[in-house]
Amino acid sequence: MVPKRWARRAVTRNTIKRQIYAISAQYEVRLPCAAHVVRLRAGFDRKQFISATSTLLKQAVRLELAQLFERAANKP
């Protein structure tokens, strides 16, 4: 879930969602078969990520998602 409160521009929300889909596909075999919810809990600073689809934003999102999915995959 990517609420407008944390990512105001639709382009940014869609970019974040695409990153979620890409990373989750990589971890699909390592995660249990269940519905998984990824929720954006804090915004991305527009001063740091000026472009809604910048490479810097995509890298930051991918890094955070990789850490999240790695933790979920290693849970007993």
N, C-alpha and C. Protein backbone atom coordinates (compact mmCIF):
# COMPACT_ATOMS: atom_id res chain seq x y z
N MET A 1 0.85 -1.17 0.00
CA MET A 1 0.00 0.00 0.00
C MET A 1 0.90 1.24 0.00
N VAL A 2 0.63 2.12 -0.89
CA VAL A 2 1.40 3.35 -1.00
C VAL A 2 0.41 4.51 -0.94
N PRO A 3 0.17 5.04 0.27
CA PRO A 3 -0.82 6.11 0.41
C PRO A 3 -0.33 7.45 -0.13
N LYS A 4 -1.27 8.28 -0.54
CA LYS A 4 -0.96 9.61 -1.05
C LYS A 4 -0.26 10.47 -0.01
N ARG A 5 -0.52 10.18 1.23
CA ARG A 5 0.08 10.97 2.30
C ARG A 5 1.60 10.90 2.25
N TRP A 6 2.16 9.74 1.87
CA TRP A 6 3.60 9.55 1.86
C TRP A 6 4.22 9.73 0.48
N ALA A 7 3.47 9.52 -0.57
CA ALA A 7 3.97 9.72 -1.93
C ALA A 7 2.88 10.44 -2.71
N ARG A 8 2.97 11.73 -2.77
CA ARG A 8 1.90 12.55 -3.33
C ARG A 8 1.67 12.35 -4.82
N ARG A 9 2.73 12.19 -5.57
CA ARG A 9 2.58 12.07 -7.03
C ARG A 9 2.29 10.63 -7.43
N ALA A 10 1.34 10.46 -8.33
CA ALA A 10 0.97 9.12 -8.80
C ALA A 10 2.15 8.41 -9.45
N VAL A 11 2.99 9.16 -10.12
CA VAL A 11 4.16 8.57 -10.76
C VAL A 11 5.07 7.93 -9.72
N THR A 12 5.25 8.61 -8.60
CA THR A 12 6.09 8.08 -7.52
C THR A 12 5.46 6.84 -6.92
N ARG A 13 4.16 6.89 -6.67
CA ARG A 13 3.47 5.72 -6.10
C ARG A 13 3.59 4.52 -7.03
N ASN A 14 3.41 4.74 -8.32
CA ASN A 14 3.51 3.64 -9.28
C ASN A 14 4.94 3.10 -9.37
N THR A 15 5.91 3.98 -9.29
CA THR A 15 7.32 3.55 -9.30
C THR A 15 7.61 2.67 -8.09
N ILE A 16 7.14 3.08 -6.94
CA ILE A 16 7.35 2.29 -5.71
C ILE A 16 6.66 0.94 -5.83
N LYS A 17 5.45 0.92 -6.36
CA LYS A 17 4.72 -0.35 -6.53
C LYS A 17 5.47 -1.29 -7.47
N ARG A 18 6.01 -0.74 -8.55
CA ARG A 18 6.78 -1.58 -9.49
C ARG A 18 8.01 -2.18 -8.82
N GLN A 19 8.64 -1.41 -7.97
CA GLN A 19 9.80 -1.92 -7.25
C GLN A 19 9.38 -3.04 -6.29
N ILE A 20 8.24 -2.87 -5.66
CA ILE A 20 7.72 -3.92 -4.75
C ILE A 20 7.48 -5.21 -5.54
N TYR A 21 6.85 -5.10 -6.71
CA TYR A 21 6.58 -6.29 -7.52
C TYR A 21 7.88 -6.96 -7.97
N ALA A 22 8.87 -6.17 -8.36
CA ALA A 22 10.14 -6.72 -8.85
C ALA A 22 10.89 -7.45 -7.74
N ILE A 23 10.99 -6.84 -6.58
CA ILE A 23 11.71 -7.47 -5.47
C ILE A 23 10.95 -8.68 -4.94
N SER A 24 9.64 -8.59 -4.86
CA SER A 24 8.87 -9.73 -4.34
C SER A 24 8.98 -10.93 -5.27
N ALA A 25 9.12 -10.70 -6.55
CA ALA A 25 9.29 -11.82 -7.49
C ALA A 25 10.61 -12.53 -7.24
N GLN A 26 11.64 -11.80 -6.84
CA GLN A 26 12.93 -12.41 -6.55
C GLN A 26 12.88 -13.29 -5.29
N TYR A 27 12.04 -12.92 -4.34
CA TYR A 27 11.95 -13.65 -3.08
C TYR A 27 10.77 -14.63 -3.04
N GLU A 28 10.08 -14.79 -4.15
CA GLU A 28 8.86 -15.60 -4.20
C GLU A 28 9.08 -17.04 -3.71
N VAL A 29 10.17 -17.66 -4.12
CA VAL A 29 10.41 -19.06 -3.75
C VAL A 29 10.84 -19.20 -2.29
N ARG A 30 11.38 -18.15 -1.71
CA ARG A 30 11.86 -18.21 -0.33
C ARG A 30 10.80 -17.86 0.70
N LEU A 31 9.71 -17.26 0.27
CA LEU A 31 8.65 -16.85 1.19
C LEU A 31 7.54 -17.89 1.20
N PRO A 32 6.87 -18.05 2.34
CA PRO A 32 5.75 -18.99 2.39
C PRO A 32 4.61 -18.51 1.48
N CYS A 33 3.85 -19.46 1.01
CA CYS A 33 2.71 -19.14 0.15
C CYS A 33 1.62 -18.49 1.01
N ALA A 34 1.51 -17.18 0.90
CA ALA A 34 0.54 -16.43 1.69
C ALA A 34 0.40 -15.05 1.06
N ALA A 35 -0.57 -14.31 1.53
CA ALA A 35 -0.73 -12.93 1.09
C ALA A 35 0.20 -12.06 1.93
N HIS A 36 1.06 -11.31 1.29
CA HIS A 36 2.00 -10.43 1.98
C HIS A 36 1.64 -8.99 1.68
N VAL A 37 1.65 -8.17 2.70
CA VAL A 37 1.30 -6.76 2.55
C VAL A 37 2.55 -5.93 2.81
N VAL A 38 2.85 -5.06 1.88
CA VAL A 38 3.96 -4.10 2.04
C VAL A 38 3.32 -2.74 2.12
N ARG A 39 3.59 -2.03 3.21
CA ARG A 39 2.96 -0.73 3.42
C ARG A 39 4.02 0.34 3.62
N LEU A 40 3.91 1.40 2.87
CA LEU A 40 4.81 2.53 3.02
C LEU A 40 4.43 3.27 4.30
N ARG A 41 5.37 3.39 5.22
CA ARG A 41 5.08 3.99 6.51
C ARG A 41 5.69 5.37 6.69
N ALA A 42 6.53 5.78 5.77
CA ALA A 42 7.15 7.10 5.84
C ALA A 42 7.38 7.60 4.42
N GLY A 43 7.40 8.89 4.30
CA GLY A 43 7.56 9.47 2.97
C GLY A 43 9.00 9.52 2.51
N PHE A 44 9.16 9.73 1.23
CA PHE A 44 10.47 9.95 0.65
C PHE A 44 10.60 11.45 0.43
N ASP A 45 11.65 12.04 0.98
CA ASP A 45 11.84 13.48 0.93
C ASP A 45 11.95 13.99 -0.50
N ARG A 46 11.07 14.89 -0.88
CA ARG A 46 11.06 15.42 -2.25
C ARG A 46 12.29 16.28 -2.53
N LYS A 47 12.94 16.78 -1.49
CA LYS A 47 14.16 17.56 -1.68
C LYS A 47 15.32 16.64 -2.06
N GLN A 48 15.32 15.44 -1.51
CA GLN A 48 16.38 14.48 -1.82
C GLN A 48 16.09 13.75 -3.14
N PHE A 49 14.84 13.40 -3.37
CA PHE A 49 14.43 12.69 -4.57
C PHE A 49 13.57 13.62 -5.41
N ILE A 50 14.20 14.49 -6.15
CA ILE A 50 13.49 15.54 -6.90
C ILE A 50 12.60 14.95 -7.99
N SER A 51 13.15 14.02 -8.76
CA SER A 51 12.38 13.40 -9.84
C SER A 51 11.53 12.27 -9.27
N ALA A 52 10.32 12.15 -9.76
CA ALA A 52 9.40 11.12 -9.26
C ALA A 52 9.86 9.72 -9.65
N THR A 53 10.66 9.60 -10.69
CA THR A 53 11.12 8.28 -11.13
C THR A 53 12.64 8.23 -11.24
N SER A 54 13.33 8.95 -10.37
CA SER A 54 14.79 9.00 -10.45
C SER A 54 15.41 7.65 -10.11
N THR A 55 16.59 7.44 -10.63
CA THR A 55 17.35 6.22 -10.34
C THR A 55 17.67 6.16 -8.85
N LEU A 56 17.96 7.30 -8.26
CA LEU A 56 18.28 7.36 -6.84
C LEU A 56 17.10 6.89 -5.99
N LEU A 57 15.89 7.30 -6.35
CA LEU A 57 14.69 6.87 -5.64
C LEU A 57 14.49 5.37 -5.79
N LYS A 58 14.64 4.87 -7.00
CA LYS A 58 14.47 3.43 -7.25
C LYS A 58 15.47 2.62 -6.44
N GLN A 59 16.71 3.07 -6.37
CA GLN A 59 17.74 2.36 -5.61
C GLN A 59 17.42 2.36 -4.12
N ALA A 60 16.97 3.50 -3.61
CA ALA A 60 16.63 3.59 -2.19
C ALA A 60 15.47 2.66 -1.85
N VAL A 61 14.46 2.64 -2.72
CA VAL A 61 13.30 1.76 -2.49
C VAL A 61 13.73 0.30 -2.57
N ARG A 62 14.52 -0.06 -3.57
CA ARG A 62 14.96 -1.45 -3.73
C ARG A 62 15.80 -1.91 -2.54
N LEU A 63 16.67 -1.05 -2.03
CA LEU A 63 17.50 -1.41 -0.89
C LEU A 63 16.64 -1.68 0.34
N GLU A 64 15.70 -0.80 0.59
CA GLU A 64 14.82 -0.97 1.74
C GLU A 64 13.95 -2.22 1.61
N LEU A 65 13.44 -2.45 0.40
CA LEU A 65 12.61 -3.63 0.17
C LEU A 65 13.42 -4.92 0.29
N ALA A 66 14.64 -4.91 -0.21
CA ALA A 66 15.49 -6.11 -0.12
C ALA A 66 15.74 -6.46 1.34
N GLN A 67 15.99 -5.46 2.17
CA GLN A 67 16.19 -5.71 3.60
C GLN A 67 14.92 -6.28 4.23
N LEU A 68 13.79 -5.72 3.86
CA LEU A 68 12.51 -6.17 4.41
C LEU A 68 12.21 -7.62 4.01
N PHE A 69 12.37 -7.92 2.73
CA PHE A 69 12.07 -9.28 2.25
C PHE A 69 13.10 -10.29 2.77
N GLU A 70 14.33 -9.87 2.94
CA GLU A 70 15.36 -10.76 3.49
C GLU A 70 14.99 -11.14 4.93
N ARG A 71 14.55 -10.17 5.71
CA ARG A 71 14.11 -10.46 7.08
C ARG A 71 12.91 -11.42 7.08
N ALA A 72 11.97 -11.17 6.18
CA ALA A 72 10.78 -12.03 6.11
C ALA A 72 11.13 -13.44 5.66
N ALA A 73 12.07 -13.57 4.75
CA ALA A 73 12.46 -14.88 4.24
C ALA A 73 13.23 -15.69 5.28
N ASN A 74 13.93 -15.02 6.17
CA ASN A 74 14.75 -15.71 7.19
C ASN A 74 14.01 -15.96 8.49
N LYS A 75 12.77 -15.53 8.57
CA LYS A 75 11.98 -15.77 9.79
C LYS A 75 11.67 -17.26 9.91
N PRO A 76 11.82 -17.80 11.11
CA PRO A 76 11.51 -19.24 11.29
C PRO A 76 10.04 -19.53 11.26
